[in-house]
Amino acid sequence: MSELHPHRSWPRALQELPRSAWLRLLALALFIPAFYALWAGEGLLEQFAIGFWLIAAALLLAAARSEHRGGQRWFDTALAAAACVTVLLPDVHHWPGWLPRLAVATILAVRVVLDARVLLRRDRLWMLLVAAAACWALGGVGFYWLDPRVHSVADGLWLAFTTGATVGYGDLIPTVATSRVLALFVVLVGYTFLSLVTAAMVTALLGREERIQMHALHRDIAALHAEIRALRQSLQGSDAAAPPPDRHATTHDPAPAPPPAGP
């Protein structure tokens, strides 16, 4: 019956995520602020950002070592090596010097999304809403931190919402290169979560009939299993009650009839 239940509960799905997936998620959580701090910061902030970037690269190497699949292991190792190389590149504060670091962070973000696809499914509406709210909050704080024309966190949240929903009222717009790059990711994430949440709501509204049919199918299969089990037990009982055949008994063919008398 397990093959009829392909969707696992979210606590079990969290437990079944490999250690490498958690390490990649932690590395991404360090890569993103380090990327912007390296781009916009100087002096002590830049030194801290370099340290965070190297720690994230070390987490990627740890994820590669705990990865069981050979191709994924080599991919994570190459991504960690690329991260270490990009931290040494000069002129990272201007275009196009920050592009290699942006490429590393983007590839890692795609890897994390692929790891999390077992959790972010349309049959888990509340998890999608929590993930969407977290991304919206991070986008709002990021706009407030990066864009000088965003004067409050509330304005940053509004800009993140209008950007992710692709509404574009025009009252607030990204005005610097760093916030424009953030807007690119907010749009992509907004499209993704908007599609998933919409599909989850449709599933929640229209999936009742499908659940009823699945429950009826489970009941019919369980009843069929019970009938087969009872039939098997009945056949075993009849075989046990039947007397064993007599090996010493012999059968005699009847004697042939005598030929008829002549005239």
Protein backbone atom coordinates (compact mmCIF):
# COMPACT_ATOMS: atom_id res chain seq x y z
CA MET A 1 0.00 0.00 0.00
CA SER A 2 2.96 2.36 0.38
CA GLU A 3 3.21 2.95 -3.34
CA LEU A 4 -0.24 4.59 -3.20
CA HIS A 5 1.06 7.24 -0.79
CA PRO A 6 3.93 8.93 -2.65
CA HIS A 7 3.66 12.18 -0.63
CA ARG A 8 5.49 12.09 2.66
CA SER A 9 4.66 14.28 5.64
CA TRP A 10 6.85 17.34 6.05
CA PRO A 11 8.62 16.25 9.31
CA ARG A 12 9.64 12.99 7.68
CA ALA A 13 10.69 14.83 4.51
CA LEU A 14 12.85 17.16 6.61
CA GLN A 15 14.49 14.18 8.29
CA GLU A 16 15.15 12.50 4.96
CA LEU A 17 16.96 15.53 3.50
CA PRO A 18 20.64 14.59 3.23
CA ARG A 19 23.31 16.34 5.25
CA SER A 20 24.76 17.82 2.07
CA ALA A 21 21.48 19.66 1.37
CA TRP A 22 21.56 21.35 4.79
CA LEU A 23 25.20 22.33 4.29
CA ARG A 24 24.41 23.87 0.90
CA LEU A 25 21.52 25.81 2.42
CA LEU A 26 23.79 27.17 5.16
CA ALA A 27 26.43 28.07 2.56
CA LEU A 28 23.83 29.98 0.53
CA ALA A 29 22.73 31.84 3.67
CA LEU A 30 26.33 33.06 4.01
CA PHE A 31 26.99 33.64 0.30
CA ILE A 32 24.14 36.11 -0.28
CA PRO A 33 25.00 38.71 2.41
CA ALA A 34 28.71 38.24 1.72
CA PHE A 35 28.12 38.92 -1.98
CA TYR A 36 26.42 42.24 -1.31
CA ALA A 37 28.86 43.20 1.43
CA LEU A 38 31.79 42.55 -0.90
CA TRP A 39 30.11 44.59 -3.60
CA ALA A 40 29.08 47.60 -1.54
CA GLY A 41 31.37 47.54 1.46
CA GLU A 42 34.94 48.56 2.09
CA GLY A 43 37.41 48.26 4.93
CA LEU A 44 36.33 46.17 7.91
CA LEU A 45 33.00 45.22 6.34
CA GLU A 46 34.78 43.90 3.29
CA GLN A 47 37.12 41.82 5.45
CA PHE A 48 34.18 40.28 7.29
CA ALA A 49 32.50 39.59 3.95
CA ILE A 50 35.58 37.79 2.65
CA GLY A 51 35.60 35.66 5.79
CA PHE A 52 31.94 34.77 5.36
CA TRP A 53 32.55 33.95 1.69
CA LEU A 54 35.41 31.58 2.54
CA ILE A 55 33.36 29.92 5.31
CA ALA A 56 30.58 29.33 2.79
CA ALA A 57 33.12 27.79 0.39
CA ALA A 58 34.31 25.49 3.20
CA LEU A 59 30.68 24.43 3.82
CA LEU A 60 30.39 23.58 0.13
CA LEU A 61 33.47 21.38 0.40
CA ALA A 62 31.94 19.65 3.42
CA ALA A 63 28.74 19.12 1.43
CA ALA A 64 30.79 17.61 -1.40
CA ARG A 65 32.49 15.19 0.98
CA SER A 66 29.14 14.03 2.41
CA GLU A 67 27.58 13.63 -1.05
CA HIS A 68 27.20 10.00 -2.09
CA ARG A 69 26.72 10.62 -5.81
CA GLY A 70 29.96 11.07 -7.67
CA GLY A 71 28.74 13.67 -10.16
CA GLN A 72 27.18 15.82 -7.45
CA ARG A 73 30.33 15.52 -5.35
CA TRP A 74 32.55 16.81 -8.15
CA PHE A 75 30.09 19.59 -8.98
CA ASP A 76 30.05 20.89 -5.40
CA THR A 77 33.84 20.66 -5.23
CA ALA A 78 34.20 22.67 -8.44
CA LEU A 79 31.71 25.26 -7.16
CA ALA A 80 33.65 25.63 -3.90
CA ALA A 81 36.91 26.05 -5.84
CA ALA A 82 35.26 28.69 -8.04
CA ALA A 83 34.10 30.53 -4.94
CA CYS A 84 37.64 30.57 -3.55
CA VAL A 85 38.99 31.88 -6.86
CA THR A 86 36.39 34.64 -7.21
CA VAL A 87 37.26 36.09 -3.81
CA LEU A 88 40.71 36.94 -5.18
CA LEU A 89 39.48 38.79 -8.27
CA PRO A 90 40.18 42.54 -8.39
CA ASP A 91 37.69 45.35 -9.05
CA VAL A 92 34.66 43.60 -7.64
CA HIS A 93 32.83 46.84 -6.88
CA HIS A 94 32.06 47.68 -10.51
CA TRP A 95 30.63 45.98 -13.57
CA PRO A 96 31.60 43.33 -14.65
CA GLY A 97 33.95 42.44 -11.78
CA TRP A 98 31.16 41.09 -9.58
CA LEU A 99 29.71 38.80 -12.26
CA PRO A 100 31.76 35.68 -11.30
CA ARG A 101 30.59 35.93 -7.68
CA LEU A 102 27.03 36.45 -8.84
CA ALA A 103 27.33 33.33 -11.00
CA VAL A 104 28.58 31.27 -8.03
CA ALA A 105 25.75 32.48 -5.79
CA THR A 106 23.15 31.89 -8.51
CA ILE A 107 24.30 28.33 -9.24
CA LEU A 108 24.27 27.52 -5.54
CA ALA A 109 20.77 29.00 -5.22
CA VAL A 110 19.57 26.71 -8.01
CA ARG A 111 21.14 23.74 -6.22
CA VAL A 112 19.35 24.64 -2.99
CA VAL A 113 16.01 24.98 -4.79
CA LEU A 114 16.51 21.53 -6.33
CA ASP A 115 17.27 20.15 -2.87
CA ALA A 116 14.12 21.74 -1.43
CA ARG A 117 11.75 20.60 -4.17
CA VAL A 118 10.74 17.62 -2.01
CA LEU A 119 9.35 20.12 0.54
CA LEU A 120 7.95 22.84 -1.72
CA ARG A 121 5.14 20.90 -3.39
CA ARG A 122 1.66 22.05 -4.21
CA ASP A 123 0.11 19.64 -1.69
CA ARG A 124 1.84 21.54 1.16
CA LEU A 125 0.17 24.93 1.00
CA TRP A 126 1.21 26.19 4.41
CA MET A 127 4.89 25.38 3.77
CA LEU A 128 4.71 27.29 0.50
CA LEU A 129 3.16 30.26 2.29
CA VAL A 130 5.86 30.22 4.99
CA ALA A 131 8.64 30.01 2.39
CA ALA A 132 7.07 32.78 0.30
CA ALA A 133 6.69 35.03 3.38
CA ALA A 134 10.32 34.40 4.37
CA CYS A 135 11.57 35.30 0.89
CA TRP A 136 9.34 38.39 0.86
CA ALA A 137 10.71 39.53 4.23
CA LEU A 138 14.31 38.95 3.17
CA GLY A 139 13.70 40.84 -0.05
CA GLY A 140 12.21 43.78 1.84
CA VAL A 141 15.11 43.96 4.27
CA GLY A 142 17.53 43.65 1.35
CA PHE A 143 15.95 46.56 -0.51
CA TYR A 144 16.04 48.67 2.65
CA TRP A 145 19.71 47.85 3.18
CA LEU A 146 20.87 48.28 -0.41
CA ASP A 147 18.80 51.08 -1.92
CA PRO A 148 19.29 54.61 -0.53
CA ARG A 149 15.83 55.69 -1.73
CA VAL A 150 14.09 53.03 0.35
CA HIS A 151 13.79 54.80 3.69
CA SER A 152 12.09 52.12 5.83
CA VAL A 153 11.59 48.40 6.09
CA ALA A 154 7.93 48.90 5.21
CA ASP A 155 8.94 50.57 1.95
CA GLY A 156 11.34 47.71 1.30
CA LEU A 157 8.58 45.14 1.86
CA TRP A 158 6.27 47.05 -0.46
CA LEU A 159 8.96 47.18 -3.15
CA ALA A 160 9.62 43.45 -2.70
CA PHE A 161 5.91 42.68 -3.04
CA THR A 162 5.34 44.80 -6.14
CA THR A 163 8.51 43.41 -7.71
CA GLY A 164 7.80 39.76 -6.92
CA ALA A 165 4.17 40.03 -8.01
CA THR A 166 5.33 41.85 -11.18
CA VAL A 167 2.82 44.62 -10.50
CA GLY A 168 5.25 47.52 -10.88
CA TYR A 169 3.24 50.49 -9.65
CA GLY A 170 6.26 52.75 -10.08
CA ASP A 171 6.04 54.56 -6.74
CA LEU A 172 9.21 52.75 -5.60
CA ILE A 173 11.82 51.34 -7.95
CA PRO A 174 15.36 49.96 -7.56
CA THR A 175 17.75 52.82 -8.21
CA VAL A 176 21.23 51.33 -7.74
CA ALA A 177 22.94 48.33 -9.31
CA THR A 178 22.92 46.24 -6.12
CA SER A 179 19.17 46.60 -5.59
CA ARG A 180 18.53 45.92 -9.28
CA VAL A 181 20.35 42.60 -9.02
CA LEU A 182 18.27 41.82 -5.95
CA ALA A 183 15.14 42.73 -7.92
CA LEU A 184 16.12 40.15 -10.54
CA PHE A 185 16.11 37.37 -7.94
CA VAL A 186 12.92 38.68 -6.31
CA VAL A 187 11.11 38.51 -9.66
CA LEU A 188 12.27 34.93 -10.30
CA VAL A 189 11.35 33.81 -6.79
CA GLY A 190 8.04 35.68 -7.00
CA TYR A 191 7.08 33.93 -10.24
CA THR A 192 7.95 30.56 -8.72
CA PHE A 193 6.02 30.99 -5.49
CA LEU A 194 3.07 32.68 -7.18
CA SER A 195 2.69 29.65 -9.47
CA LEU A 196 3.13 27.13 -6.66
CA VAL A 197 0.76 28.87 -4.24
CA THR A 198 -1.89 29.24 -6.95
CA ALA A 199 -1.61 25.56 -7.82
CA ALA A 200 -1.77 24.62 -4.13
CA MET A 201 -4.94 26.65 -3.63
CA VAL A 202 -6.58 25.05 -6.65
CA THR A 203 -5.56 21.62 -5.35
CA ALA A 204 -6.98 22.42 -1.91
CA LEU A 205 -10.29 23.61 -3.41
CA LEU A 206 -10.75 20.95 -6.08
CA GLY A 207 -8.85 18.01 -4.64
CA ARG A 208 -11.60 16.78 -2.31
CA GLU A 209 -13.12 14.55 -4.96
CA GLU A 210 -9.74 13.03 -5.72
CA ARG A 211 -9.16 12.30 -2.03
CA ILE A 212 -12.57 10.61 -1.78
CA GLN A 213 -11.75 8.41 -4.76
CA MET A 214 -8.35 7.52 -3.31
CA HIS A 215 -9.93 6.53 0.03
CA ALA A 216 -12.48 4.36 -1.79
CA LEU A 217 -9.68 2.75 -3.79
CA HIS A 218 -7.76 2.00 -0.60
CA ARG A 219 -10.84 0.41 0.98
CA ASP A 220 -11.46 -1.76 -2.09
CA ILE A 221 -7.83 -2.92 -2.18
CA ALA A 222 -7.88 -3.69 1.54
CA ALA A 223 -11.10 -5.71 1.12
CA LEU A 224 -9.55 -7.58 -1.82
CA HIS A 225 -6.47 -8.40 0.28
CA ALA A 226 -8.74 -9.70 3.06
CA GLU A 227 -10.68 -11.92 0.63
CA ILE A 228 -7.47 -13.35 -0.85
CA ARG A 229 -6.13 -14.03 2.65
CA ALA A 230 -9.36 -15.80 3.66
CA LEU A 231 -9.36 -17.86 0.47
CA ARG A 232 -5.75 -18.88 1.03
CA GLN A 233 -6.53 -19.94 4.61
CA SER A 234 -9.57 -21.90 3.42
CA LEU A 235 -7.51 -23.76 0.84
CA GLN A 236 -4.83 -24.56 3.39
CA GLY A 237 -7.48 -25.84 5.81
CA SER A 238 -9.10 -28.09 3.20
CA ASP A 239 -5.71 -29.52 2.25
CA ALA A 240 -4.96 -30.32 5.90
CA ALA A 241 -8.37 -32.02 6.42
CA ALA A 242 -8.15 -34.28 3.35
CA PRO A 243 -6.90 -37.88 4.14
CA PRO A 244 -3.53 -38.82 2.74
CA PRO A 245 -3.58 -41.18 -0.25
CA ASP A 246 -2.97 -44.92 0.40
CA ARG A 247 0.29 -45.80 -1.28
CA HIS A 248 -0.22 -49.60 -0.80
CA ALA A 249 -3.60 -49.79 -2.46
CA THR A 250 -3.48 -51.32 -5.89
CA THR A 251 -6.00 -51.20 -8.59
CA HIS A 252 -6.94 -54.32 -10.60
CA ASP A 253 -8.18 -54.13 -14.08
CA PRO A 254 -11.35 -56.14 -14.63
CA ALA A 255 -10.89 -59.53 -16.32
CA PRO A 256 -11.57 -59.49 -20.02
CA ALA A 257 -14.91 -60.97 -21.07
CA PRO A 258 -14.70 -64.49 -22.60
CA PRO A 259 -15.15 -64.68 -26.31
CA PRO A 260 -18.60 -65.72 -27.50
CA ALA A 261 -19.20 -69.42 -28.14
CA GLY A 262 -19.16 -70.61 -31.71
CA PRO A 263 -22.30 -71.93 -33.52
